[in-house]
Protein backbone atom coordinates (compact mmCIF):
# COMPACT_ATOMS: atom_id res chain seq x y z
CA UNK A 1 0.00 0.00 0.00
CA UNK A 2 1.35 3.39 -0.94
CA UNK A 3 0.07 6.73 0.27
CA UNK A 4 0.72 9.65 -2.05
CA UNK A 5 -0.86 13.03 -1.63
CA UNK A 6 -3.57 11.73 0.66
CA UNK A 7 -4.60 8.96 -1.74
CA UNK A 8 -4.20 5.26 -1.07
CA UNK A 9 -2.91 3.17 -3.96
CA UNK A 10 -2.78 -0.60 -4.35
CA UNK A 11 -4.81 -1.52 -1.27
CA UNK A 12 -5.73 -5.20 -1.29
CA UNK A 13 -7.24 -7.38 1.38
CA UNK A 14 -6.53 -11.09 1.12
CA UNK A 15 -4.17 -12.92 -1.14
CA UNK A 16 -4.24 -12.08 -4.83
CA UNK A 17 -4.55 -15.77 -5.74
CA UNK A 18 -7.94 -15.86 -4.05
CA UNK A 19 -9.26 -12.84 -5.93
CA UNK A 20 -11.91 -13.85 -8.42
CA UNK A 21 -11.59 -12.64 -11.97
CA UNK A 22 -14.64 -13.00 -14.12
CA UNK A 23 -14.36 -12.94 -17.87
CA UNK A 24 -17.29 -12.47 -20.24
CA UNK A 25 -17.55 -16.25 -20.80
CA UNK A 26 -17.13 -17.62 -17.29
CA UNK A 27 -19.79 -17.89 -14.64
CA UNK A 28 -19.01 -17.98 -10.95
CA UNK A 29 -21.31 -19.97 -8.74
CA UNK A 30 -22.37 -18.29 -5.52
CA UNK A 31 -21.17 -21.19 -3.38
CA UNK A 32 -17.71 -20.99 -4.98
CA UNK A 33 -17.58 -17.26 -4.32
CA UNK A 34 -18.47 -17.76 -0.65
CA UNK A 35 -16.06 -20.67 -0.34
CA UNK A 36 -13.17 -18.56 -1.64
CA UNK A 37 -14.19 -15.71 0.67
CA UNK A 38 -14.14 -18.01 3.70
CA UNK A 39 -10.70 -19.34 2.78
CA UNK A 40 -9.41 -15.82 2.18
CA UNK A 41 -10.58 -14.67 5.63
CA UNK A 42 -9.12 -17.81 7.18
CA UNK A 43 -5.76 -17.23 5.46
CA UNK A 44 -5.65 -13.66 6.71
CA UNK A 45 -6.42 -14.76 10.26
CA UNK A 46 -3.67 -17.41 10.10
CA UNK A 47 -1.19 -14.83 8.78
CA UNK A 48 -2.12 -12.47 11.61
CA UNK A 49 -1.64 -15.22 14.21
CA UNK A 50 1.68 -16.16 12.64
CA UNK A 51 2.88 -12.54 12.70
CA UNK A 52 1.86 -12.20 16.36
CA UNK A 53 3.77 -15.36 17.30
CA UNK A 54 6.84 -14.16 15.41
CA UNK A 55 6.65 -10.80 17.19
CA UNK A 56 6.35 -12.48 20.59
CA UNK A 57 9.30 -14.76 19.85
CA UNK A 58 11.40 -11.82 18.63
CA UNK A 59 11.66 -12.90 14.98
CA UNK A 60 9.82 -9.75 13.82
CA UNK A 61 10.81 -6.35 15.21
CA UNK A 62 8.39 -4.18 13.25
CA UNK A 63 5.23 -3.77 15.32
CA UNK A 64 3.62 -1.85 12.45
CA UNK A 65 3.56 -4.91 10.18
CA UNK A 66 2.07 -6.99 12.98
CA UNK A 67 -0.64 -4.43 13.68
CA UNK A 68 -1.48 -4.03 9.99
CA UNK A 69 -1.85 -7.80 9.55
CA UNK A 70 -4.03 -7.95 12.67
CA UNK A 71 -6.25 -5.09 11.52
CA UNK A 72 -6.64 -6.56 8.02
CA UNK A 73 -7.76 -9.86 9.55
CA UNK A 74 -10.14 -8.06 11.91
CA UNK A 75 -11.71 -6.02 9.10
CA UNK A 76 -12.06 -9.13 6.93
CA UNK A 77 -13.78 -11.02 9.75
CA UNK A 78 -16.14 -8.12 10.47
CA UNK A 79 -16.97 -7.74 6.79
CA UNK A 80 -17.58 -11.45 6.33
CA UNK A 81 -19.80 -11.53 9.44
CA UNK A 82 -21.91 -8.65 8.10
CA UNK A 83 -22.20 -10.27 4.67
CA UNK A 84 -23.24 -13.55 6.31
CA UNK A 85 -25.90 -11.72 8.31
CA UNK A 86 -27.27 -10.02 5.18
CA UNK A 87 -27.36 -13.35 3.33
CA UNK A 88 -29.26 -14.96 6.21
CA UNK A 89 -31.70 -12.04 6.33
CA UNK A 90 -32.31 -12.36 2.59
CA UNK A 91 -32.85 -16.12 2.91
CA UNK A 92 -35.34 -15.62 5.74
CA UNK A 93 -37.19 -12.99 3.69
CA UNK A 94 -37.39 -15.32 0.71
CA UNK A 95 -38.71 -18.11 2.94
CA UNK A 96 -41.51 -15.81 4.16
CA UNK A 97 -42.76 -15.19 0.62
CA UNK A 98 -46.04 -16.97 0.00
CA UNK A 99 -46.62 -18.48 -3.38
Foldseek 3Di string as FASTA:
>chain_A
DDADPNDDPDDDQFDPVLDDDDDPPDDDDPVSNVVSLVVRLVVLVVVLVVLVVCVVVPVDDDVVVSVVSVVSSVVSVVVNVVVVVVVVVVVVVVVPDDD
